[in-house]
Amino acid sequence: MYEAAGIVLAGGKSTRMGTNKALLPLGQVSMLARVVAALRPLFSEIIVVTNTPELYQDLGTRLVTDVIPGRGPLSGFHAGLLFSPYRYNFIVACDMPFIDPGFISHLIKQAEGYDAVVPRLGEYLQPLHAVYSRECLKAVEECLREGQYKAFAFYPKVKVRYVDIDRLQGIDPERVFFNINTPKDLARARQLLDNSMKHAKG
């Protein structure tokens, strides 16, 4: 277990899904509960950032709300890092149900000497599946003040280590970074879960 926090962003308006994604069932539990369960063995504390904490009282995690709301994932980054007692933090979106604990451990181990450790696949970054230090807070706050709300807007202001996925063995990026935005995505995720459970039994 790392002296670090696992921070889960419980999502915003979920306009493409039409309902709260975090509570959608995936297997025997909700999507958010599945992500929390994957992180729990790795981190000293799990923090869920949500503006509806009353919905998640049964998770057994720390619940915090945005201090600067309405700015998308960057608001969640800010709240999570602000309330975390740890220097290093793994931040992930609640709609990525197939996160890999081994890969997360690999990212954490790359963090010393950097403010952020971010997976990269070709030219595509995965800012919502990355490690951030609390030293990023100032840069995040500056971006929020300046109206730069993209999740990676603060990267030029901090020291980032990029981890190229195509150089790693045993990582299936399509699965690890699979995120659920639409009912079609949810159906695909349920199919993937069913297949993996059948494979495990077989």
N, C-alpha and C. Protein backbone atom coordinates (compact mmCIF):
# COMPACT_ATOMS: atom_id res chain seq x y z
N MET A 1 0.85 -1.20 0.00
CA MET A 1 0.00 0.00 0.00
C MET A 1 0.88 1.25 0.00
N TYR A 2 0.55 2.19 -0.86
CA TYR A 2 1.36 3.40 -1.01
C TYR A 2 0.89 4.50 -0.06
N GLU A 3 1.86 5.28 0.42
CA GLU A 3 1.53 6.48 1.20
C GLU A 3 1.10 7.55 0.20
N ALA A 4 -0.07 7.37 -0.31
CA ALA A 4 -0.62 8.22 -1.36
C ALA A 4 -2.13 8.06 -1.32
N ALA A 5 -2.82 8.93 -2.04
CA ALA A 5 -4.28 8.84 -2.10
C ALA A 5 -4.73 8.43 -3.50
N GLY A 6 -5.79 7.65 -3.53
CA GLY A 6 -6.49 7.39 -4.78
C GLY A 6 -7.69 8.32 -4.83
N ILE A 7 -7.74 9.15 -5.85
CA ILE A 7 -8.81 10.15 -5.97
C ILE A 7 -9.68 9.81 -7.18
N VAL A 8 -10.97 9.64 -6.93
CA VAL A 8 -11.90 9.30 -8.00
C VAL A 8 -12.82 10.49 -8.25
N LEU A 9 -12.87 10.92 -9.50
CA LEU A 9 -13.79 12.00 -9.88
C LEU A 9 -15.12 11.36 -10.24
N ALA A 10 -16.15 11.66 -9.45
CA ALA A 10 -17.43 10.96 -9.59
C ALA A 10 -18.30 11.51 -10.71
N GLY A 11 -17.75 12.42 -11.49
CA GLY A 11 -18.44 12.80 -12.72
C GLY A 11 -19.32 14.03 -12.58
N GLY A 12 -19.64 14.54 -13.74
CA GLY A 12 -20.44 15.76 -13.79
C GLY A 12 -21.85 15.48 -14.25
N LYS A 13 -22.21 16.07 -15.38
CA LYS A 13 -23.61 16.04 -15.81
C LYS A 13 -23.99 14.77 -16.56
N SER A 14 -23.02 14.02 -17.08
CA SER A 14 -23.29 12.76 -17.81
C SER A 14 -24.35 12.98 -18.88
N THR A 15 -24.20 14.05 -19.66
CA THR A 15 -25.25 14.40 -20.62
C THR A 15 -25.42 13.34 -21.71
N ARG A 16 -24.32 12.72 -22.13
CA ARG A 16 -24.44 11.72 -23.20
C ARG A 16 -25.08 10.42 -22.71
N MET A 17 -24.92 10.13 -21.42
CA MET A 17 -25.52 8.92 -20.86
C MET A 17 -26.97 9.17 -20.48
N GLY A 18 -27.29 10.37 -20.05
CA GLY A 18 -28.66 10.70 -19.67
C GLY A 18 -29.00 10.38 -18.23
N THR A 19 -28.02 9.86 -17.49
CA THR A 19 -28.22 9.56 -16.07
C THR A 19 -26.86 9.58 -15.38
N ASN A 20 -26.86 9.49 -14.06
CA ASN A 20 -25.61 9.53 -13.30
C ASN A 20 -24.78 8.27 -13.57
N LYS A 21 -23.66 8.43 -14.29
CA LYS A 21 -22.85 7.27 -14.67
C LYS A 21 -22.31 6.52 -13.46
N ALA A 22 -21.93 7.26 -12.44
CA ALA A 22 -21.24 6.65 -11.30
C ALA A 22 -22.08 5.55 -10.65
N LEU A 23 -23.40 5.69 -10.70
CA LEU A 23 -24.29 4.74 -10.03
C LEU A 23 -24.77 3.60 -10.93
N LEU A 24 -24.39 3.62 -12.20
CA LEU A 24 -24.83 2.57 -13.10
C LEU A 24 -24.24 1.22 -12.70
N PRO A 25 -25.05 0.16 -12.68
CA PRO A 25 -24.52 -1.15 -12.28
C PRO A 25 -23.62 -1.75 -13.34
N LEU A 26 -22.52 -2.30 -12.88
CA LEU A 26 -21.60 -3.02 -13.75
C LEU A 26 -21.18 -4.27 -12.98
N GLY A 27 -21.75 -5.40 -13.37
CA GLY A 27 -21.60 -6.59 -12.53
C GLY A 27 -22.49 -6.45 -11.31
N GLN A 28 -21.94 -6.81 -10.15
CA GLN A 28 -22.73 -6.80 -8.91
C GLN A 28 -22.72 -5.45 -8.20
N VAL A 29 -21.91 -4.50 -8.69
CA VAL A 29 -21.76 -3.22 -8.00
C VAL A 29 -21.87 -2.06 -8.99
N SER A 30 -21.91 -0.85 -8.46
CA SER A 30 -21.95 0.31 -9.34
C SER A 30 -20.58 0.54 -9.97
N MET A 31 -20.57 1.32 -11.03
CA MET A 31 -19.31 1.62 -11.72
C MET A 31 -18.33 2.30 -10.76
N LEU A 32 -18.81 3.26 -9.98
CA LEU A 32 -17.94 3.95 -9.03
C LEU A 32 -17.40 2.99 -7.97
N ALA A 33 -18.26 2.12 -7.45
CA ALA A 33 -17.83 1.16 -6.43
C ALA A 33 -16.77 0.22 -6.99
N ARG A 34 -16.86 -0.13 -8.26
CA ARG A 34 -15.88 -1.01 -8.89
C ARG A 34 -14.51 -0.33 -8.94
N VAL A 35 -14.49 0.96 -9.30
CA VAL A 35 -13.23 1.71 -9.35
C VAL A 35 -12.63 1.83 -7.95
N VAL A 36 -13.47 2.17 -6.98
CA VAL A 36 -13.00 2.30 -5.59
C VAL A 36 -12.40 0.99 -5.10
N ALA A 37 -13.05 -0.13 -5.40
CA ALA A 37 -12.57 -1.44 -4.96
C ALA A 37 -11.21 -1.77 -5.56
N ALA A 38 -10.98 -1.35 -6.81
CA ALA A 38 -9.69 -1.61 -7.46
C ALA A 38 -8.57 -0.79 -6.82
N LEU A 39 -8.91 0.41 -6.34
CA LEU A 39 -7.90 1.30 -5.76
C LEU A 39 -7.60 1.00 -4.30
N ARG A 40 -8.57 0.42 -3.59
CA ARG A 40 -8.46 0.30 -2.13
C ARG A 40 -7.20 -0.45 -1.65
N PRO A 41 -6.79 -1.53 -2.32
CA PRO A 41 -5.58 -2.23 -1.84
C PRO A 41 -4.28 -1.43 -2.06
N LEU A 42 -4.33 -0.40 -2.90
CA LEU A 42 -3.11 0.31 -3.28
C LEU A 42 -2.83 1.53 -2.43
N PHE A 43 -3.87 2.18 -1.93
CA PHE A 43 -3.70 3.52 -1.36
C PHE A 43 -4.14 3.63 0.09
N SER A 44 -3.44 4.49 0.82
CA SER A 44 -3.74 4.71 2.24
C SER A 44 -5.10 5.35 2.43
N GLU A 45 -5.54 6.11 1.43
CA GLU A 45 -6.85 6.77 1.54
C GLU A 45 -7.47 6.87 0.15
N ILE A 46 -8.78 6.67 0.10
CA ILE A 46 -9.53 6.86 -1.14
C ILE A 46 -10.42 8.08 -0.95
N ILE A 47 -10.33 9.00 -1.89
CA ILE A 47 -11.13 10.23 -1.86
C ILE A 47 -12.02 10.26 -3.10
N VAL A 48 -13.30 10.47 -2.90
CA VAL A 48 -14.23 10.63 -4.02
C VAL A 48 -14.64 12.09 -4.08
N VAL A 49 -14.43 12.71 -5.24
CA VAL A 49 -14.83 14.10 -5.44
C VAL A 49 -16.20 14.10 -6.10
N THR A 50 -17.18 14.68 -5.42
CA THR A 50 -18.55 14.68 -5.92
C THR A 50 -19.29 15.89 -5.38
N ASN A 51 -20.20 16.41 -6.17
CA ASN A 51 -21.05 17.49 -5.68
C ASN A 51 -22.40 16.97 -5.18
N THR A 52 -22.52 15.63 -5.13
CA THR A 52 -23.71 15.01 -4.53
C THR A 52 -23.26 13.92 -3.54
N PRO A 53 -22.56 14.31 -2.47
CA PRO A 53 -22.01 13.30 -1.55
C PRO A 53 -23.08 12.44 -0.88
N GLU A 54 -24.30 12.93 -0.81
CA GLU A 54 -25.36 12.16 -0.16
C GLU A 54 -25.63 10.84 -0.90
N LEU A 55 -25.23 10.76 -2.17
CA LEU A 55 -25.48 9.55 -2.96
C LEU A 55 -24.47 8.44 -2.68
N TYR A 56 -23.36 8.79 -2.03
CA TYR A 56 -22.25 7.84 -1.94
C TYR A 56 -21.80 7.55 -0.51
N GLN A 57 -22.72 7.71 0.42
CA GLN A 57 -22.37 7.52 1.83
C GLN A 57 -21.96 6.09 2.14
N ASP A 58 -22.42 5.14 1.33
CA ASP A 58 -22.16 3.72 1.63
C ASP A 58 -20.81 3.23 1.10
N LEU A 59 -20.04 4.09 0.45
CA LEU A 59 -18.80 3.65 -0.17
C LEU A 59 -17.67 3.41 0.83
N GLY A 60 -17.74 4.07 1.99
CA GLY A 60 -16.67 3.95 2.96
C GLY A 60 -15.41 4.68 2.54
N THR A 61 -15.58 5.76 1.80
CA THR A 61 -14.45 6.59 1.38
C THR A 61 -14.64 8.00 1.93
N ARG A 62 -13.60 8.80 1.80
CA ARG A 62 -13.74 10.21 2.12
C ARG A 62 -14.43 10.90 0.94
N LEU A 63 -15.42 11.72 1.22
CA LEU A 63 -16.17 12.43 0.18
C LEU A 63 -15.88 13.92 0.29
N VAL A 64 -15.46 14.53 -0.81
CA VAL A 64 -15.21 15.97 -0.82
C VAL A 64 -15.92 16.58 -2.02
N THR A 65 -16.20 17.87 -1.93
CA THR A 65 -16.88 18.56 -3.02
C THR A 65 -15.99 19.64 -3.61
N ASP A 66 -16.32 20.04 -4.84
CA ASP A 66 -15.55 21.08 -5.52
C ASP A 66 -15.55 22.37 -4.72
N VAL A 67 -14.38 22.97 -4.62
CA VAL A 67 -14.25 24.31 -4.01
C VAL A 67 -14.53 25.37 -5.06
N ILE A 68 -14.11 25.09 -6.29
CA ILE A 68 -14.36 25.97 -7.44
C ILE A 68 -15.19 25.14 -8.42
N PRO A 69 -16.52 25.13 -8.26
CA PRO A 69 -17.35 24.20 -9.05
C PRO A 69 -17.58 24.66 -10.49
N GLY A 70 -18.05 23.71 -11.29
CA GLY A 70 -18.51 24.03 -12.63
C GLY A 70 -17.43 24.20 -13.67
N ARG A 71 -16.24 23.67 -13.41
CA ARG A 71 -15.14 23.82 -14.37
C ARG A 71 -14.67 22.48 -14.88
N GLY A 72 -15.54 21.48 -14.84
CA GLY A 72 -15.19 20.18 -15.38
C GLY A 72 -14.20 19.43 -14.51
N PRO A 73 -13.45 18.50 -15.13
CA PRO A 73 -12.51 17.69 -14.35
C PRO A 73 -11.48 18.51 -13.57
N LEU A 74 -11.11 19.68 -14.09
CA LEU A 74 -10.10 20.48 -13.40
C LEU A 74 -10.58 20.93 -12.02
N SER A 75 -11.89 21.15 -11.88
CA SER A 75 -12.45 21.43 -10.55
C SER A 75 -12.23 20.25 -9.62
N GLY A 76 -12.40 19.04 -10.17
CA GLY A 76 -12.19 17.84 -9.37
C GLY A 76 -10.73 17.63 -9.00
N PHE A 77 -9.83 17.91 -9.96
CA PHE A 77 -8.40 17.85 -9.66
C PHE A 77 -8.08 18.75 -8.47
N HIS A 78 -8.59 19.98 -8.52
CA HIS A 78 -8.31 20.97 -7.50
C HIS A 78 -8.79 20.49 -6.13
N ALA A 79 -10.05 20.06 -6.07
CA ALA A 79 -10.60 19.63 -4.79
C ALA A 79 -9.86 18.40 -4.25
N GLY A 80 -9.61 17.43 -5.12
CA GLY A 80 -8.94 16.22 -4.68
C GLY A 80 -7.55 16.49 -4.12
N LEU A 81 -6.77 17.29 -4.84
CA LEU A 81 -5.41 17.60 -4.38
C LEU A 81 -5.44 18.48 -3.14
N LEU A 82 -6.39 19.39 -3.08
CA LEU A 82 -6.49 20.30 -1.94
C LEU A 82 -6.76 19.54 -0.64
N PHE A 83 -7.65 18.55 -0.71
CA PHE A 83 -8.06 17.84 0.49
C PHE A 83 -7.20 16.61 0.79
N SER A 84 -6.35 16.22 -0.14
CA SER A 84 -5.50 15.05 0.09
C SER A 84 -4.41 15.38 1.11
N PRO A 85 -4.15 14.48 2.06
CA PRO A 85 -3.06 14.69 3.00
C PRO A 85 -1.71 14.19 2.46
N TYR A 86 -1.72 13.65 1.24
CA TYR A 86 -0.51 13.03 0.71
C TYR A 86 0.09 13.84 -0.43
N ARG A 87 1.41 13.69 -0.56
CA ARG A 87 2.09 14.40 -1.65
C ARG A 87 1.65 13.88 -3.01
N TYR A 88 1.65 12.54 -3.15
CA TYR A 88 1.31 11.96 -4.44
C TYR A 88 -0.10 11.37 -4.42
N ASN A 89 -0.75 11.49 -5.57
CA ASN A 89 -2.14 11.09 -5.70
C ASN A 89 -2.39 10.53 -7.09
N PHE A 90 -3.12 9.44 -7.14
CA PHE A 90 -3.56 8.90 -8.43
C PHE A 90 -4.98 9.38 -8.65
N ILE A 91 -5.19 10.11 -9.75
CA ILE A 91 -6.52 10.64 -10.05
C ILE A 91 -7.09 9.88 -11.25
N VAL A 92 -8.33 9.42 -11.09
CA VAL A 92 -8.97 8.65 -12.16
C VAL A 92 -10.45 9.02 -12.23
N ALA A 93 -11.00 8.92 -13.43
CA ALA A 93 -12.43 9.16 -13.61
C ALA A 93 -13.22 7.92 -13.21
N CYS A 94 -14.44 8.13 -12.73
CA CYS A 94 -15.26 7.01 -12.26
C CYS A 94 -15.76 6.14 -13.40
N ASP A 95 -15.63 6.63 -14.64
CA ASP A 95 -16.17 5.88 -15.78
C ASP A 95 -15.11 5.04 -16.48
N MET A 96 -14.02 4.71 -15.76
CA MET A 96 -12.96 3.84 -16.30
C MET A 96 -12.91 2.57 -15.44
N PRO A 97 -13.81 1.62 -15.68
CA PRO A 97 -14.00 0.51 -14.74
C PRO A 97 -12.97 -0.61 -14.82
N PHE A 98 -12.06 -0.56 -15.81
CA PHE A 98 -11.12 -1.67 -15.99
C PHE A 98 -9.68 -1.26 -15.68
N ILE A 99 -9.53 -0.37 -14.73
CA ILE A 99 -8.18 0.07 -14.35
C ILE A 99 -7.37 -1.11 -13.81
N ASP A 100 -6.07 -1.06 -14.04
CA ASP A 100 -5.16 -2.16 -13.74
C ASP A 100 -4.26 -1.78 -12.56
N PRO A 101 -4.43 -2.43 -11.39
CA PRO A 101 -3.62 -2.06 -10.22
C PRO A 101 -2.12 -2.15 -10.48
N GLY A 102 -1.70 -3.13 -11.27
CA GLY A 102 -0.27 -3.26 -11.58
C GLY A 102 0.25 -2.07 -12.35
N PHE A 103 -0.54 -1.60 -13.30
CA PHE A 103 -0.14 -0.44 -14.09
C PHE A 103 -0.14 0.84 -13.24
N ILE A 104 -1.13 0.95 -12.36
CA ILE A 104 -1.17 2.11 -11.46
C ILE A 104 0.08 2.13 -10.57
N SER A 105 0.47 0.97 -10.07
CA SER A 105 1.70 0.87 -9.27
C SER A 105 2.90 1.32 -10.07
N HIS A 106 2.94 0.94 -11.33
CA HIS A 106 4.05 1.35 -12.20
C HIS A 106 4.11 2.88 -12.31
N LEU A 107 2.97 3.51 -12.47
CA LEU A 107 2.93 4.98 -12.57
C LEU A 107 3.41 5.64 -11.27
N ILE A 108 2.94 5.12 -10.14
CA ILE A 108 3.34 5.68 -8.84
C ILE A 108 4.85 5.61 -8.66
N LYS A 109 5.44 4.50 -9.09
CA LYS A 109 6.88 4.30 -8.93
C LYS A 109 7.71 5.25 -9.80
N GLN A 110 7.07 5.85 -10.81
CA GLN A 110 7.78 6.79 -11.68
C GLN A 110 7.72 8.24 -11.17
N ALA A 111 7.03 8.46 -10.04
CA ALA A 111 6.66 9.82 -9.66
C ALA A 111 7.77 10.64 -9.01
N GLU A 112 8.73 10.00 -8.36
CA GLU A 112 9.74 10.76 -7.62
C GLU A 112 10.47 11.73 -8.54
N GLY A 113 10.51 13.00 -8.12
CA GLY A 113 11.18 14.03 -8.90
C GLY A 113 10.30 14.71 -9.94
N TYR A 114 9.04 14.29 -10.02
CA TYR A 114 8.10 14.88 -10.98
C TYR A 114 6.84 15.36 -10.27
N ASP A 115 6.14 16.28 -10.94
CA ASP A 115 4.85 16.76 -10.41
C ASP A 115 3.69 15.92 -10.93
N ALA A 116 3.89 15.29 -12.08
CA ALA A 116 2.83 14.49 -12.69
C ALA A 116 3.44 13.35 -13.48
N VAL A 117 2.76 12.21 -13.48
CA VAL A 117 3.14 11.06 -14.31
C VAL A 117 1.91 10.69 -15.12
N VAL A 118 2.01 10.84 -16.44
CA VAL A 118 0.83 10.75 -17.31
C VAL A 118 1.05 9.69 -18.39
N PRO A 119 0.13 8.73 -18.51
CA PRO A 119 0.23 7.77 -19.60
C PRO A 119 0.02 8.45 -20.95
N ARG A 120 0.75 7.95 -21.95
CA ARG A 120 0.66 8.52 -23.30
C ARG A 120 0.63 7.36 -24.30
N LEU A 121 -0.30 7.42 -25.22
CA LEU A 121 -0.40 6.43 -26.28
C LEU A 121 -0.35 7.18 -27.61
N GLY A 122 0.83 7.13 -28.26
CA GLY A 122 1.01 7.96 -29.44
C GLY A 122 0.96 9.42 -29.04
N GLU A 123 0.06 10.16 -29.65
CA GLU A 123 -0.09 11.58 -29.31
C GLU A 123 -1.19 11.81 -28.28
N TYR A 124 -1.83 10.74 -27.83
CA TYR A 124 -2.97 10.89 -26.92
C TYR A 124 -2.55 10.72 -25.47
N LEU A 125 -2.93 11.69 -24.65
CA LEU A 125 -2.64 11.65 -23.21
C LEU A 125 -3.85 11.11 -22.45
N GLN A 126 -3.59 10.60 -21.24
CA GLN A 126 -4.65 10.11 -20.37
C GLN A 126 -4.61 10.87 -19.04
N PRO A 127 -5.02 12.15 -19.05
CA PRO A 127 -4.92 12.96 -17.84
C PRO A 127 -5.84 12.49 -16.72
N LEU A 128 -6.90 11.73 -17.06
CA LEU A 128 -7.83 11.25 -16.04
C LEU A 128 -7.49 9.82 -15.60
N HIS A 129 -6.21 9.48 -15.76
CA HIS A 129 -5.70 8.19 -15.28
C HIS A 129 -4.21 8.41 -15.02
N ALA A 130 -3.90 9.29 -14.08
CA ALA A 130 -2.52 9.76 -13.93
C ALA A 130 -2.21 10.10 -12.48
N VAL A 131 -0.91 10.24 -12.20
CA VAL A 131 -0.43 10.57 -10.87
C VAL A 131 -0.08 12.05 -10.81
N TYR A 132 -0.52 12.72 -9.74
CA TYR A 132 -0.24 14.14 -9.56
C TYR A 132 0.22 14.41 -8.13
N SER A 133 1.20 15.29 -8.00
CA SER A 133 1.62 15.71 -6.67
C SER A 133 0.83 16.95 -6.27
N ARG A 134 0.84 17.23 -4.98
CA ARG A 134 0.14 18.42 -4.50
C ARG A 134 0.83 19.70 -4.98
N GLU A 135 2.06 19.57 -5.48
CA GLU A 135 2.73 20.74 -6.06
C GLU A 135 2.01 21.26 -7.30
N CYS A 136 1.11 20.47 -7.86
CA CYS A 136 0.34 20.91 -9.03
C CYS A 136 -0.76 21.90 -8.66
N LEU A 137 -1.08 22.01 -7.37
CA LEU A 137 -2.24 22.82 -6.96
C LEU A 137 -2.17 24.25 -7.46
N LYS A 138 -1.02 24.87 -7.30
CA LYS A 138 -0.89 26.27 -7.72
C LYS A 138 -1.17 26.42 -9.20
N ALA A 139 -0.60 25.53 -10.01
CA ALA A 139 -0.79 25.59 -11.46
C ALA A 139 -2.25 25.35 -11.84
N VAL A 140 -2.90 24.40 -11.14
CA VAL A 140 -4.31 24.13 -11.40
C VAL A 140 -5.16 25.36 -11.07
N GLU A 141 -4.88 26.00 -9.93
CA GLU A 141 -5.63 27.20 -9.54
C GLU A 141 -5.43 28.32 -10.54
N GLU A 142 -4.21 28.47 -11.05
CA GLU A 142 -3.95 29.50 -12.06
C GLU A 142 -4.78 29.26 -13.30
N CYS A 143 -4.85 28.01 -13.75
CA CYS A 143 -5.64 27.70 -14.94
C CYS A 143 -7.13 27.95 -14.71
N LEU A 144 -7.62 27.60 -13.54
CA LEU A 144 -9.02 27.85 -13.22
C LEU A 144 -9.32 29.34 -13.24
N ARG A 145 -8.39 30.14 -12.71
CA ARG A 145 -8.58 31.61 -12.72
C ARG A 145 -8.52 32.17 -14.14
N GLU A 146 -7.68 31.56 -14.97
CA GLU A 146 -7.46 32.07 -16.33
C GLU A 146 -8.50 31.57 -17.33
N GLY A 147 -9.40 30.70 -16.87
CA GLY A 147 -10.42 30.17 -17.77
C GLY A 147 -9.93 29.04 -18.66
N GLN A 148 -8.83 28.38 -18.28
CA GLN A 148 -8.31 27.23 -19.02
C GLN A 148 -8.76 25.96 -18.29
N TYR A 149 -9.77 25.30 -18.83
CA TYR A 149 -10.43 24.24 -18.07
C TYR A 149 -10.11 22.83 -18.57
N LYS A 150 -9.30 22.70 -19.59
CA LYS A 150 -8.94 21.35 -20.04
C LYS A 150 -8.15 20.65 -18.94
N ALA A 151 -8.31 19.33 -18.84
CA ALA A 151 -7.68 18.57 -17.75
C ALA A 151 -6.15 18.67 -17.78
N PHE A 152 -5.59 18.90 -18.96
CA PHE A 152 -4.13 18.98 -19.08
C PHE A 152 -3.63 20.42 -19.24
N ALA A 153 -4.50 21.40 -18.99
CA ALA A 153 -4.14 22.80 -19.22
C ALA A 153 -2.94 23.25 -18.40
N PHE A 154 -2.76 22.66 -17.22
CA PHE A 154 -1.69 23.11 -16.32
C PHE A 154 -0.36 22.41 -16.58
N TYR A 155 -0.31 21.45 -17.50
CA TYR A 155 0.92 20.69 -17.72
C TYR A 155 2.14 21.56 -18.04
N PRO A 156 2.00 22.60 -18.85
CA PRO A 156 3.19 23.43 -19.14
C PRO A 156 3.76 24.12 -17.90
N LYS A 157 2.99 24.19 -16.84
CA LYS A 157 3.43 24.89 -15.63
C LYS A 157 4.10 23.97 -14.61
N VAL A 158 4.10 22.66 -14.87
CA VAL A 158 4.65 21.69 -13.91
C VAL A 158 5.60 20.74 -14.64
N LYS A 159 6.29 19.91 -13.86
CA LYS A 159 7.24 18.94 -14.42
C LYS A 159 6.51 17.61 -14.62
N VAL A 160 6.31 17.25 -15.88
CA VAL A 160 5.52 16.07 -16.23
C VAL A 160 6.43 14.96 -16.78
N ARG A 161 6.20 13.76 -16.31
CA ARG A 161 6.84 12.57 -16.88
C ARG A 161 5.79 11.81 -17.66
N TYR A 162 6.05 11.60 -18.94
CA TYR A 162 5.12 10.84 -19.78
C TYR A 162 5.56 9.39 -19.85
N VAL A 163 4.61 8.49 -19.69
CA VAL A 163 4.88 7.06 -19.76
C VAL A 163 4.25 6.53 -21.04
N ASP A 164 5.09 6.11 -21.97
CA ASP A 164 4.60 5.63 -23.27
C ASP A 164 4.10 4.20 -23.15
N ILE A 165 2.81 4.03 -23.38
CA ILE A 165 2.15 2.75 -23.18
C ILE A 165 2.66 1.70 -24.16
N ASP A 166 2.96 2.11 -25.38
CA ASP A 166 3.34 1.12 -26.39
C ASP A 166 4.69 0.47 -26.11
N ARG A 167 5.41 0.99 -25.12
CA ARG A 167 6.69 0.38 -24.75
C ARG A 167 6.55 -0.60 -23.58
N LEU A 168 5.34 -0.72 -23.05
CA LEU A 168 5.13 -1.58 -21.88
C LEU A 168 4.52 -2.91 -22.29
N GLN A 169 4.96 -3.97 -21.62
CA GLN A 169 4.41 -5.30 -21.87
C GLN A 169 3.22 -5.55 -20.94
N GLY A 170 2.26 -6.30 -21.43
CA GLY A 170 1.17 -6.77 -20.58
C GLY A 170 0.08 -5.74 -20.30
N ILE A 171 0.10 -4.61 -21.00
CA ILE A 171 -0.93 -3.60 -20.81
C ILE A 171 -1.82 -3.55 -22.05
N ASP A 172 -3.11 -3.71 -21.84
CA ASP A 172 -4.08 -3.59 -22.94
C ASP A 172 -4.72 -2.21 -22.83
N PRO A 173 -4.19 -1.22 -23.59
CA PRO A 173 -4.68 0.15 -23.41
C PRO A 173 -6.16 0.31 -23.72
N GLU A 174 -6.67 -0.47 -24.67
CA GLU A 174 -8.09 -0.35 -25.00
C GLU A 174 -8.97 -0.71 -23.82
N ARG A 175 -8.50 -1.65 -23.01
CA ARG A 175 -9.27 -2.06 -21.82
C ARG A 175 -9.00 -1.13 -20.65
N VAL A 176 -7.73 -0.86 -20.36
CA VAL A 176 -7.37 -0.06 -19.19
C VAL A 176 -7.96 1.35 -19.29
N PHE A 177 -7.94 1.93 -20.49
CA PHE A 177 -8.43 3.30 -20.65
C PHE A 177 -9.85 3.37 -21.20
N PHE A 178 -10.52 2.23 -21.24
CA PHE A 178 -11.90 2.21 -21.71
C PHE A 178 -12.76 3.07 -20.79
N ASN A 179 -13.44 4.05 -21.37
CA ASN A 179 -14.31 4.87 -20.53
C ASN A 179 -15.72 4.89 -21.10
N ILE A 180 -16.66 5.06 -20.20
CA ILE A 180 -18.07 4.87 -20.53
C ILE A 180 -18.77 6.22 -20.59
N ASN A 181 -19.19 6.59 -21.79
CA ASN A 181 -19.88 7.87 -21.98
C ASN A 181 -21.31 7.72 -22.46
N THR A 182 -21.60 6.61 -23.13
CA THR A 182 -22.90 6.43 -23.78
C THR A 182 -23.48 5.08 -23.40
N PRO A 183 -24.78 4.88 -23.62
CA PRO A 183 -25.37 3.55 -23.38
C PRO A 183 -24.67 2.45 -24.18
N LYS A 184 -24.19 2.77 -25.38
CA LYS A 184 -23.46 1.79 -26.19
C LYS A 184 -22.16 1.39 -25.49
N ASP A 185 -21.45 2.37 -24.93
CA ASP A 185 -20.22 2.08 -24.17
C ASP A 185 -20.52 1.17 -22.98
N LEU A 186 -21.64 1.44 -22.30
CA LEU A 186 -22.01 0.65 -21.13
C LEU A 186 -22.28 -0.80 -21.52
N ALA A 187 -22.98 -0.99 -22.64
CA ALA A 187 -23.26 -2.35 -23.11
C ALA A 187 -21.95 -3.07 -23.44
N ARG A 188 -21.03 -2.36 -24.05
CA ARG A 188 -19.72 -2.94 -24.39
C ARG A 188 -18.95 -3.31 -23.11
N ALA A 189 -19.00 -2.44 -22.10
CA ALA A 189 -18.31 -2.71 -20.83
C ALA A 189 -18.89 -3.95 -20.16
N ARG A 190 -20.20 -4.09 -20.18
CA ARG A 190 -20.83 -5.27 -19.57
C ARG A 190 -20.43 -6.54 -20.32
N GLN A 191 -20.28 -6.43 -21.64
CA GLN A 191 -19.83 -7.58 -22.43
C GLN A 191 -18.39 -7.95 -22.08
N LEU A 192 -17.53 -6.95 -21.95
CA LEU A 192 -16.14 -7.19 -21.58
C LEU A 192 -16.05 -7.85 -20.21
N LEU A 193 -16.87 -7.36 -19.28
CA LEU A 193 -16.86 -7.92 -17.92
C LEU A 193 -17.33 -9.38 -17.94
N ASP A 194 -18.41 -9.65 -18.69
CA ASP A 194 -18.91 -11.02 -18.79
C ASP A 194 -17.85 -11.95 -19.37
N ASN A 195 -17.16 -11.47 -20.42
CA ASN A 195 -16.13 -12.28 -21.07
C ASN A 195 -14.98 -12.59 -20.11
N SER A 196 -14.58 -11.59 -19.34
CA SER A 196 -13.45 -11.80 -18.42
C SER A 196 -13.84 -12.73 -17.28
N MET A 197 -15.11 -12.67 -16.84
CA MET A 197 -15.57 -13.58 -15.78
C MET A 197 -15.65 -15.01 -16.29
N LYS A 198 -16.09 -15.18 -17.53
CA LYS A 198 -16.13 -16.51 -18.13
C LYS A 198 -14.73 -17.07 -18.29
N HIS A 199 -13.81 -16.22 -18.70
CA HIS A 199 -12.42 -16.62 -18.88
C HIS A 199 -11.81 -17.06 -17.54
N ALA A 200 -12.14 -16.30 -16.48
CA ALA A 200 -11.60 -16.60 -15.14
C ALA A 200 -12.14 -17.96 -14.65
N LYS A 201 -13.42 -18.22 -14.94
CA LYS A 201 -14.02 -19.50 -14.52
C LYS A 201 -13.47 -20.66 -15.33
N GLY A 202 -13.22 -20.38 -16.63
CA GLY A 202 -12.76 -21.44 -17.52
C GLY A 202 -11.34 -21.84 -17.25
